[in-house]
Amino acid sequence: MTSVLPLPAREDARLRRLRWTAFTLVVLGLVLSFFHRLAPAVIAGELQQAFHVGGAALGALAATYFYIYAVMQLPTGVLADTLGPRRIVALGAVAVGIGSIVFGMAETLNVAGTGRTLVGLGVSVMFIAMLKLNAAWFHDRHFATATGVGILIANLGAVLSAAPLAYVVTVTSWRNVFVAVGVFSLLLAVATWLWMRDSPRAAGLLSMRELDGLQAHPDHAGHWYHGVLQVLRNRDLWPGFWMMFGAASSYITFAGLWAVPYLMQVHGMSRGTAANHTSATLLGFALASLVVGYLSDRSGRRRPLLIGSLAVHVVCWAPLVLGVALPLGASYALFAALGASVTGFTMSWSCAKELSPPALSGMATSFVNTGQFIGIGIQQPLVGWMLDRGWRGQMVDGVRIYARDDYQLALGVLMAFAAAGLASAFFMRETYCRNVTVP
């Protein structure tokens, strides 16, 4: 049994204020991340018109964000564990601001790709920084719940990149939207530098473990390079990597780029209705992330929720692959279920934190997260290439129109990735919601 140490009222109020300030600022960075991640799905037609490109080039443009994101995951973990979240979030927001403005003002595909790469570089630090901050500012028993709340709020950015963005681009240009988002990002960088603190101890307060009457987690002894090697050699982390590579990446590839064109071209939906479907899947994902995290923390188990939800997710792909025409209500329900059921993969972040020494939590979670973005970087252009390969030359207003059969084949590949992610989940080690490397 451990005893909880009471804090004086003034210090308790300061701890709460700094905790929620840090949480709010990093989650706003995540909102930007999710917005930029999925926005190309809604403005795919405008991008094809602006830069005169087909599906493969559009997929490559969208994927530049994910290439740099994937490359930066392990370095981000190292930076989070050494420099701390405050510095990397502030610098990341600067890169996002500059990249978003460059993307919005781009006149050529290469310049747009440069802007999107800068955006990907900047947002690549946000999620790992949130996990590092959550580990420092929340008790271990609340980690998955806090992460679920962060994902729920962050998905507002994803929702904004769906139906609201589809509406806004009918009022003003997509270029103005990205310039405005860039200015907001620069303001966020200033606020982060001024008000965020890395941990309670960095603010002169007791750590959360010390408040529970336990010793603070020790710092990593040795060079950061040895920490990276320790993470890579940890066999317990690899199933989470492959689960991300399969299930998380296929879902984001679809929702983030190809869902709207698929619904418009295969099922004849308007862009607004198709974008509403994207909103439904993102809302399903956001709400279920909170529920799954809470239920996992309450039950003290990770694997049952992880495996069960991903099994449902794989089943949800079947009507999409078969091109089944559903009534509108059932179609919305399917997309909501597709997003809600994939949330099992969010448990991999909690597991990575609990399967590694606490001082290496940033590196461990970033390693697992790398699988997701390597998968997206492969799958987004792969789907575009498969669609271009079967293209019959039909175009409407400068946008390529693909056949139902081509979409079915491409989505079948995404379903196979999702099934591989489910298979990996069976090899995840149960942590019982505690760090298995410390007493």
Protein backbone atom coordinates (compact mmCIF):
# COMPACT_ATOMS: atom_id res chain seq x y z
CA MET A 1 0.00 0.00 0.00
CA THR A 2 1.16 3.52 -0.79
CA SER A 3 -0.05 6.70 0.82
CA VAL A 4 -1.05 9.77 -1.14
CA LEU A 5 0.79 12.86 0.04
CA PRO A 6 -1.47 15.91 0.40
CA LEU A 7 -0.31 19.14 -1.23
CA PRO A 8 -0.85 22.60 0.23
CA ALA A 9 -3.81 24.30 -1.47
CA ARG A 10 -1.62 26.81 -3.31
CA GLU A 11 0.74 24.15 -4.70
CA ASP A 12 -2.19 21.89 -5.61
CA ALA A 13 -3.83 24.74 -7.55
CA ARG A 14 -0.53 25.49 -9.30
CA LEU A 15 -0.03 21.84 -10.23
CA ARG A 16 -3.51 21.62 -11.72
CA ARG A 17 -3.08 24.89 -13.63
CA LEU A 18 0.27 23.85 -15.12
CA ARG A 19 -1.02 20.34 -15.90
CA TRP A 20 -4.00 21.57 -17.89
CA THR A 21 -2.03 24.36 -19.55
CA ALA A 22 0.52 21.86 -20.85
CA PHE A 23 -2.24 19.44 -21.87
CA THR A 24 -4.24 22.13 -23.69
CA LEU A 25 -1.26 23.49 -25.64
CA VAL A 26 -0.02 20.10 -26.81
CA VAL A 27 -3.53 18.98 -27.74
CA LEU A 28 -3.94 22.12 -29.87
CA GLY A 29 -0.78 20.98 -31.64
CA LEU A 30 -2.45 17.60 -32.15
CA VAL A 31 -5.53 19.32 -33.57
CA LEU A 32 -3.25 20.85 -36.20
CA SER A 33 -1.68 17.44 -36.82
CA PHE A 34 -5.00 15.71 -37.43
CA PHE A 35 -6.29 18.57 -39.59
CA HIS A 36 -3.28 18.47 -41.92
CA ARG A 37 -3.26 14.68 -41.96
CA LEU A 38 -6.76 14.33 -43.39
CA ALA A 39 -7.47 17.60 -45.22
CA PRO A 40 -6.28 16.31 -48.66
CA ALA A 41 -9.27 13.93 -48.78
CA VAL A 42 -11.72 16.83 -49.01
CA ILE A 43 -9.70 19.07 -51.34
CA ALA A 44 -8.42 16.23 -53.54
CA GLY A 45 -10.26 17.62 -56.57
CA GLU A 46 -8.95 21.15 -56.01
CA LEU A 47 -5.39 19.85 -55.66
CA GLN A 48 -5.67 17.84 -58.88
CA GLN A 49 -6.97 20.92 -60.67
CA ALA A 50 -4.41 23.31 -59.18
CA PHE A 51 -1.39 21.15 -59.96
CA HIS A 52 -2.74 19.13 -62.94
CA VAL A 53 -1.93 15.71 -61.47
CA GLY A 54 -3.46 12.23 -61.32
CA GLY A 55 -4.07 9.82 -58.46
CA ALA A 56 -0.48 8.61 -58.05
CA ALA A 57 0.94 12.15 -57.87
CA LEU A 58 -1.84 13.22 -55.50
CA GLY A 59 -1.11 10.23 -53.28
CA ALA A 60 2.59 11.09 -53.30
CA LEU A 61 1.84 14.73 -52.37
CA ALA A 62 -0.37 13.64 -49.47
CA ALA A 63 2.21 11.06 -48.39
CA THR A 64 5.10 13.56 -48.10
CA TYR A 65 3.59 14.47 -44.73
CA PHE A 66 3.81 10.84 -43.63
CA TYR A 67 7.30 10.18 -45.00
CA ILE A 68 8.89 12.86 -42.84
CA TYR A 69 6.56 11.95 -39.96
CA ALA A 70 7.78 8.35 -40.08
CA VAL A 71 11.44 9.35 -40.33
CA MET A 72 11.05 11.70 -37.35
CA GLN A 73 9.40 9.30 -34.92
CA LEU A 74 12.49 7.83 -33.26
CA PRO A 75 14.33 11.19 -33.30
CA THR A 76 11.22 12.72 -31.73
CA GLY A 77 11.31 10.13 -28.95
CA VAL A 78 14.96 10.93 -28.32
CA LEU A 79 14.25 14.68 -28.30
CA ALA A 80 11.27 14.23 -25.97
CA ASP A 81 13.40 12.24 -23.53
CA THR A 82 16.34 14.68 -23.71
CA LEU A 83 15.23 18.21 -24.63
CA GLY A 84 11.72 17.83 -23.22
CA PRO A 85 8.26 18.41 -24.74
CA ARG A 86 8.17 22.22 -24.35
CA ARG A 87 11.04 22.89 -26.72
CA ILE A 88 10.02 20.39 -29.38
CA VAL A 89 6.35 21.46 -29.39
CA ALA A 90 7.30 25.14 -29.79
CA LEU A 91 9.77 24.42 -32.60
CA GLY A 92 7.31 22.02 -34.22
CA ALA A 93 4.56 24.64 -34.25
CA VAL A 94 6.92 27.08 -36.00
CA ALA A 95 7.63 24.49 -38.72
CA VAL A 96 3.89 23.78 -39.10
CA GLY A 97 3.14 27.49 -39.45
CA ILE A 98 5.76 28.07 -42.13
CA GLY A 99 4.87 24.86 -43.98
CA SER A 100 1.14 25.55 -43.99
CA ILE A 101 1.67 29.05 -45.39
CA VAL A 102 4.03 27.71 -48.08
CA PHE A 103 1.51 24.99 -49.02
CA GLY A 104 -1.33 27.51 -49.24
CA MET A 105 0.66 29.83 -51.50
CA ALA A 106 2.26 27.13 -53.68
CA GLU A 107 1.99 27.50 -57.44
CA THR A 108 3.74 24.23 -58.32
CA LEU A 109 3.53 20.65 -57.08
CA ASN A 110 7.14 20.74 -55.85
CA VAL A 111 6.56 23.84 -53.73
CA ALA A 112 3.36 22.31 -52.33
CA GLY A 113 5.32 19.16 -51.48
CA THR A 114 7.93 21.26 -49.69
CA GLY A 115 5.24 22.97 -47.63
CA ARG A 116 3.55 19.69 -46.74
CA THR A 117 6.91 18.19 -45.79
CA LEU A 118 7.53 21.11 -43.40
CA VAL A 119 4.07 20.56 -41.93
CA GLY A 120 4.81 16.86 -41.46
CA LEU A 121 8.13 17.73 -39.81
CA GLY A 122 6.40 20.08 -37.37
CA VAL A 123 3.45 17.91 -36.41
CA SER A 124 5.61 14.78 -36.10
CA VAL A 125 6.56 15.83 -32.56
CA MET A 126 3.09 16.58 -31.21
CA PHE A 127 1.74 13.16 -30.35
CA ILE A 128 4.88 11.82 -28.68
CA ALA A 129 5.13 15.09 -26.75
CA MET A 130 1.56 14.58 -25.51
CA LEU A 131 2.36 11.04 -24.34
CA LYS A 132 5.49 12.30 -22.57
CA LEU A 133 3.54 15.12 -20.89
CA ASN A 134 0.73 12.75 -19.89
CA ALA A 135 3.26 10.39 -18.33
CA ALA A 136 4.71 13.29 -16.32
CA TRP A 137 1.55 15.20 -15.34
CA PHE A 138 -0.93 12.34 -14.73
CA HIS A 139 -0.85 9.31 -12.47
CA ASP A 140 -0.05 5.99 -14.22
CA ARG A 141 -3.58 4.76 -13.49
CA HIS A 142 -5.00 7.67 -15.51
CA PHE A 143 -2.59 7.56 -18.47
CA ALA A 144 -4.82 5.78 -21.02
CA THR A 145 -7.81 7.92 -20.05
CA ALA A 146 -5.82 11.15 -20.43
CA THR A 147 -4.52 9.94 -23.78
CA GLY A 148 -8.07 9.09 -24.87
CA VAL A 149 -9.24 12.59 -23.93
CA GLY A 150 -6.36 14.04 -25.93
CA ILE A 151 -7.24 11.94 -28.98
CA LEU A 152 -10.91 12.92 -28.64
CA ILE A 153 -10.08 16.63 -28.68
CA ALA A 154 -7.41 16.23 -31.34
CA ASN A 155 -9.93 14.60 -33.63
CA LEU A 156 -11.74 17.92 -33.73
CA GLY A 157 -8.97 18.81 -36.16
CA ALA A 158 -9.83 15.75 -38.21
CA VAL A 159 -13.52 16.64 -38.10
CA LEU A 160 -12.71 20.22 -39.15
CA SER A 161 -10.82 18.79 -42.14
CA ALA A 162 -13.95 16.98 -43.32
CA ALA A 163 -17.41 18.52 -43.71
CA PRO A 164 -16.50 21.99 -42.29
CA LEU A 165 -13.54 22.27 -44.66
CA ALA A 166 -15.71 21.12 -47.57
CA TYR A 167 -18.08 23.99 -46.75
CA VAL A 168 -15.38 26.61 -46.19
CA VAL A 169 -13.74 25.95 -49.56
CA THR A 170 -17.06 26.80 -51.21
CA VAL A 171 -16.90 30.23 -49.54
CA THR A 172 -13.18 30.95 -49.84
CA SER A 173 -10.23 29.18 -51.43
CA TRP A 174 -8.39 26.24 -49.87
CA ARG A 175 -5.28 28.42 -50.08
CA ASN A 176 -6.69 31.00 -47.67
CA VAL A 177 -7.58 28.24 -45.23
CA PHE A 178 -4.02 26.91 -45.06
CA VAL A 179 -2.49 30.37 -44.71
CA ALA A 180 -4.83 31.13 -41.79
CA VAL A 181 -3.99 27.79 -40.15
CA GLY A 182 -0.31 28.64 -40.56
CA VAL A 183 -0.71 31.94 -38.69
CA PHE A 184 -2.53 30.14 -35.85
CA SER A 185 0.35 27.66 -35.61
CA LEU A 186 2.88 30.44 -35.15
CA LEU A 187 0.80 31.92 -32.33
CA LEU A 188 0.65 28.48 -30.70
CA ALA A 189 4.46 28.29 -30.80
CA VAL A 190 4.72 31.54 -28.82
CA ALA A 191 2.15 30.40 -26.22
CA THR A 192 3.92 27.04 -25.78
CA TRP A 193 7.30 28.65 -25.19
CA LEU A 194 5.86 31.02 -22.59
CA TRP A 195 3.50 28.76 -20.63
CA MET A 196 4.29 25.04 -21.00
CA ARG A 197 6.39 23.14 -18.43
CA ASP A 198 7.82 19.68 -19.08
CA SER A 199 6.89 18.09 -15.76
CA PRO A 200 5.95 18.90 -12.15
CA ARG A 201 9.59 18.55 -11.12
CA ALA A 202 10.61 21.07 -13.81
CA ALA A 203 8.17 23.48 -12.16
CA GLY A 204 9.59 22.84 -8.68
CA LEU A 205 6.78 20.47 -7.62
CA LEU A 206 6.69 16.85 -6.52
CA SER A 207 6.29 14.26 -9.26
CA MET A 208 3.06 12.28 -9.52
CA ARG A 209 4.78 9.14 -8.18
CA GLU A 210 6.15 11.10 -5.23
CA LEU A 211 2.62 12.29 -4.50
CA ASP A 212 1.66 8.60 -4.33
CA GLY A 213 4.39 8.00 -1.78
CA LEU A 214 6.69 6.26 -4.29
CA GLN A 215 10.16 7.08 -5.51
CA ALA A 216 10.38 9.13 -8.69
CA HIS A 217 11.33 7.17 -11.80
CA PRO A 218 15.11 7.28 -12.33
CA ASP A 219 16.58 9.12 -15.30
CA HIS A 220 18.14 7.13 -18.11
CA ALA A 221 21.75 6.25 -17.29
CA GLY A 222 23.89 6.46 -20.38
CA HIS A 223 23.87 7.99 -23.84
CA TRP A 224 20.58 8.42 -25.70
CA TYR A 225 21.98 6.12 -28.38
CA HIS A 226 22.04 3.24 -25.92
CA GLY A 227 18.43 4.00 -25.04
CA VAL A 228 17.44 3.67 -28.70
CA LEU A 229 19.21 0.32 -28.95
CA GLN A 230 17.47 -0.85 -25.78
CA VAL A 231 14.10 0.05 -27.29
CA LEU A 232 14.83 -1.65 -30.62
CA ARG A 233 15.94 -4.82 -28.84
CA ASN A 234 12.77 -4.99 -26.77
CA ARG A 235 10.81 -7.80 -28.45
CA ASP A 236 7.65 -6.86 -26.56
CA LEU A 237 7.40 -3.62 -28.58
CA TRP A 238 7.50 -5.12 -32.09
CA PRO A 239 3.90 -6.47 -32.17
CA GLY A 240 2.69 -2.91 -31.49
CA PHE A 241 4.84 -1.64 -34.37
CA TRP A 242 3.34 -4.14 -36.81
CA MET A 243 -0.18 -3.53 -35.53
CA MET A 244 0.28 0.16 -36.29
CA PHE A 245 1.78 -0.67 -39.68
CA GLY A 246 -1.30 -2.70 -40.61
CA ALA A 247 -4.48 -1.52 -38.88
CA ALA A 248 -3.79 2.14 -38.07
CA SER A 249 -2.16 2.96 -41.40
CA SER A 250 -4.85 1.39 -43.61
CA TYR A 251 -7.60 3.26 -41.76
CA ILE A 252 -5.86 6.64 -42.05
CA THR A 253 -4.93 5.99 -45.69
CA PHE A 254 -8.62 5.53 -46.46
CA ALA A 255 -10.11 8.23 -44.23
CA GLY A 256 -7.32 10.69 -44.95
CA LEU A 257 -7.34 10.63 -48.75
CA TRP A 258 -9.46 8.08 -50.61
CA ALA A 259 -12.76 7.89 -48.72
CA VAL A 260 -14.31 11.00 -50.26
CA PRO A 261 -13.33 10.18 -53.88
CA TYR A 262 -14.52 6.58 -53.37
CA LEU A 263 -17.94 7.62 -52.10
CA MET A 264 -18.37 10.24 -54.82
CA GLN A 265 -17.28 8.07 -57.73
CA VAL A 266 -18.53 4.64 -56.70
CA HIS A 267 -21.72 5.57 -54.84
CA GLY A 268 -22.53 8.87 -56.57
CA MET A 269 -22.57 10.98 -53.41
CA SER A 270 -22.09 14.73 -53.39
CA ARG A 271 -18.86 15.98 -51.88
CA GLY A 272 -20.75 17.30 -48.86
CA THR A 273 -22.38 13.93 -48.15
CA ALA A 274 -19.10 12.10 -48.70
CA ALA A 275 -17.32 14.50 -46.35
CA ASN A 276 -20.06 13.92 -43.76
CA HIS A 277 -19.18 10.21 -43.90
CA THR A 278 -15.58 11.10 -43.15
CA SER A 279 -16.81 13.19 -40.22
CA ALA A 280 -18.84 10.21 -38.99
CA THR A 281 -15.84 7.87 -39.02
CA LEU A 282 -13.64 10.46 -37.31
CA LEU A 283 -16.23 11.15 -34.62
CA GLY A 284 -16.61 7.41 -34.07
CA PHE A 285 -12.85 7.12 -33.66
CA ALA A 286 -12.65 10.13 -31.31
CA LEU A 287 -15.44 9.05 -28.98
CA ALA A 288 -14.38 5.42 -28.89
CA SER A 289 -10.77 6.39 -28.11
CA LEU A 290 -11.95 7.99 -24.90
CA VAL A 291 -14.21 5.05 -24.03
CA VAL A 292 -11.57 2.40 -24.79
CA GLY A 293 -8.93 4.22 -22.75
CA TYR A 294 -11.29 4.62 -19.80
CA LEU A 295 -12.49 1.01 -19.89
CA SER A 296 -8.92 -0.26 -20.13
CA ASP A 297 -7.80 1.78 -17.12
CA ARG A 298 -10.88 0.70 -15.16
CA SER A 299 -10.54 -3.01 -15.98
CA GLY A 300 -6.76 -3.11 -15.63
CA ARG A 301 -6.44 -4.93 -18.98
CA ARG A 302 -5.18 -3.94 -22.43
CA ARG A 303 -5.32 -6.98 -24.76
CA PRO A 304 -9.06 -7.89 -24.68
CA LEU A 305 -10.16 -4.42 -25.83
CA LEU A 306 -7.32 -4.24 -28.32
CA ILE A 307 -8.04 -7.58 -30.02
CA GLY A 308 -11.84 -7.38 -29.84
CA SER A 309 -12.12 -3.93 -31.38
CA LEU A 310 -9.72 -4.70 -34.22
CA ALA A 311 -11.61 -7.89 -35.06
CA VAL A 312 -14.78 -5.81 -35.51
CA HIS A 313 -12.78 -3.31 -37.57
CA VAL A 314 -11.65 -5.91 -40.10
CA VAL A 315 -15.26 -7.03 -40.57
CA CYS A 316 -16.30 -3.41 -41.22
CA TRP A 317 -14.04 -3.30 -44.29
CA ALA A 318 -16.02 -6.03 -46.09
CA PRO A 319 -18.96 -3.89 -47.36
CA LEU A 320 -16.51 -1.26 -48.63
CA VAL A 321 -14.40 -3.81 -50.49
CA LEU A 322 -17.51 -5.39 -52.01
CA GLY A 323 -18.86 -1.96 -53.02
CA VAL A 324 -22.22 -2.69 -51.34
CA ALA A 325 -24.75 0.12 -51.81
CA LEU A 326 -26.27 0.80 -48.39
CA PRO A 327 -29.14 3.08 -47.35
CA LEU A 328 -27.79 6.44 -46.24
CA GLY A 329 -28.35 5.78 -42.52
CA ALA A 330 -26.66 2.39 -42.69
CA SER A 331 -23.78 3.90 -44.64
CA TYR A 332 -23.19 6.52 -41.93
CA ALA A 333 -23.39 3.80 -39.28
CA LEU A 334 -20.81 1.68 -41.13
CA PHE A 335 -18.36 4.57 -41.32
CA ALA A 336 -18.88 5.41 -37.65
CA ALA A 337 -18.26 1.76 -36.75
CA LEU A 338 -15.15 1.66 -38.95
CA GLY A 339 -13.65 4.53 -36.97
CA ALA A 340 -14.85 3.39 -33.55
CA SER A 341 -13.57 -0.16 -33.96
CA VAL A 342 -10.05 0.77 -35.05
CA THR A 343 -9.38 2.44 -31.69
CA GLY A 344 -7.90 -0.80 -30.38
CA PHE A 345 -4.60 0.30 -31.85
CA THR A 346 -4.48 3.23 -29.41
CA MET A 347 -3.71 0.70 -26.67
CA SER A 348 -0.31 0.13 -28.27
CA TRP A 349 0.90 3.50 -26.94
CA SER A 350 -0.06 2.60 -23.38
CA CYS A 351 1.50 -0.83 -23.77
CA ALA A 352 4.73 0.65 -25.17
CA LYS A 353 4.99 2.97 -22.18
CA GLU A 354 4.38 0.08 -19.79
CA LEU A 355 6.74 -2.37 -21.49
CA SER A 356 9.74 -0.02 -21.34
CA PRO A 357 11.72 1.77 -18.61
CA PRO A 358 9.92 5.05 -17.79
CA ALA A 359 12.93 7.16 -18.79
CA LEU A 360 12.62 5.72 -22.33
CA SER A 361 8.86 6.18 -22.70
CA GLY A 362 9.28 8.77 -25.46
CA MET A 363 11.54 6.53 -27.52
CA ALA A 364 9.35 3.46 -26.95
CA THR A 365 6.08 5.11 -27.96
CA SER A 366 7.72 6.84 -30.91
CA PHE A 367 9.14 3.54 -32.17
CA VAL A 368 5.73 1.88 -32.10
CA ASN A 369 4.17 4.94 -33.74
CA THR A 370 6.70 4.75 -36.58
CA GLY A 371 4.93 1.68 -37.92
CA GLN A 372 1.77 3.68 -38.56
CA PHE A 373 3.46 6.30 -40.70
CA ILE A 374 5.68 3.94 -42.64
CA GLY A 375 2.48 2.08 -43.52
CA ILE A 376 0.66 5.23 -44.60
CA GLY A 377 3.65 6.39 -46.63
CA ILE A 378 3.51 3.09 -48.55
CA GLN A 379 -0.26 2.73 -48.84
CA GLN A 380 -1.36 6.20 -49.95
CA PRO A 381 0.67 6.22 -53.19
CA LEU A 382 0.08 2.46 -53.62
CA VAL A 383 -3.68 3.01 -53.75
CA GLY A 384 -3.19 5.90 -56.17
CA TRP A 385 -0.94 3.75 -58.38
CA MET A 386 -3.49 0.93 -58.42
CA LEU A 387 -6.26 3.34 -59.40
CA ASP A 388 -4.15 4.98 -62.12
CA ARG A 389 -3.23 1.55 -63.48
CA GLY A 390 -6.88 0.76 -64.16
CA TRP A 391 -7.91 4.28 -65.25
CA ARG A 392 -9.90 4.29 -68.47
CA GLY A 393 -9.21 7.92 -69.41
CA GLN A 394 -12.43 9.42 -68.03
CA MET A 395 -12.15 12.91 -66.51
CA VAL A 396 -14.62 15.46 -65.12
CA ASP A 397 -13.47 19.05 -64.54
CA GLY A 398 -9.83 17.95 -64.60
CA VAL A 399 -10.36 15.17 -62.03
CA ARG A 400 -9.75 11.52 -62.93
CA ILE A 401 -12.74 9.20 -62.54
CA TYR A 402 -11.95 5.62 -61.51
CA ALA A 403 -14.12 2.53 -61.90
CA ARG A 404 -15.81 0.57 -59.11
CA ASP A 405 -13.61 -2.48 -59.78
CA ASP A 406 -10.44 -0.44 -59.36
CA TYR A 407 -11.59 0.92 -56.01
CA GLN A 408 -12.61 -2.56 -54.84
CA LEU A 409 -9.17 -3.96 -55.62
CA ALA A 410 -7.40 -1.07 -53.88
CA LEU A 411 -9.60 -1.26 -50.78
CA GLY A 412 -9.07 -5.02 -50.70
CA VAL A 413 -5.37 -4.34 -50.23
CA LEU A 414 -6.15 -1.96 -47.35
CA MET A 415 -8.36 -4.60 -45.74
CA ALA A 416 -5.47 -7.08 -45.96
CA PHE A 417 -3.23 -4.60 -44.12
CA ALA A 418 -5.92 -4.23 -41.43
CA ALA A 419 -6.14 -8.01 -41.04
CA ALA A 420 -2.35 -8.20 -40.65
CA GLY A 421 -2.60 -5.60 -37.89
CA LEU A 422 -5.20 -7.73 -36.11
CA ALA A 423 -2.92 -10.77 -36.35
CA SER A 424 -0.09 -8.79 -34.74
CA ALA A 425 -2.37 -7.82 -31.85
CA PHE A 426 -2.46 -11.44 -30.66
CA PHE A 427 1.27 -11.22 -29.90
CA MET A 428 0.94 -8.15 -27.64
CA ARG A 429 1.97 -8.74 -24.04
CA GLU A 430 -0.60 -7.89 -21.35
CA THR A 431 0.71 -5.25 -18.93
CA TYR A 432 -2.30 -5.05 -16.59
CA CYS A 433 -2.00 -1.24 -16.83
CA ARG A 434 1.28 -0.99 -14.96
CA ASN A 435 4.90 -0.63 -15.94
CA VAL A 436 6.35 -4.13 -15.97
CA THR A 437 9.99 -2.91 -15.73
CA VAL A 438 9.74 -1.27 -12.29
CA PRO A 439 8.45 -2.45 -8.87
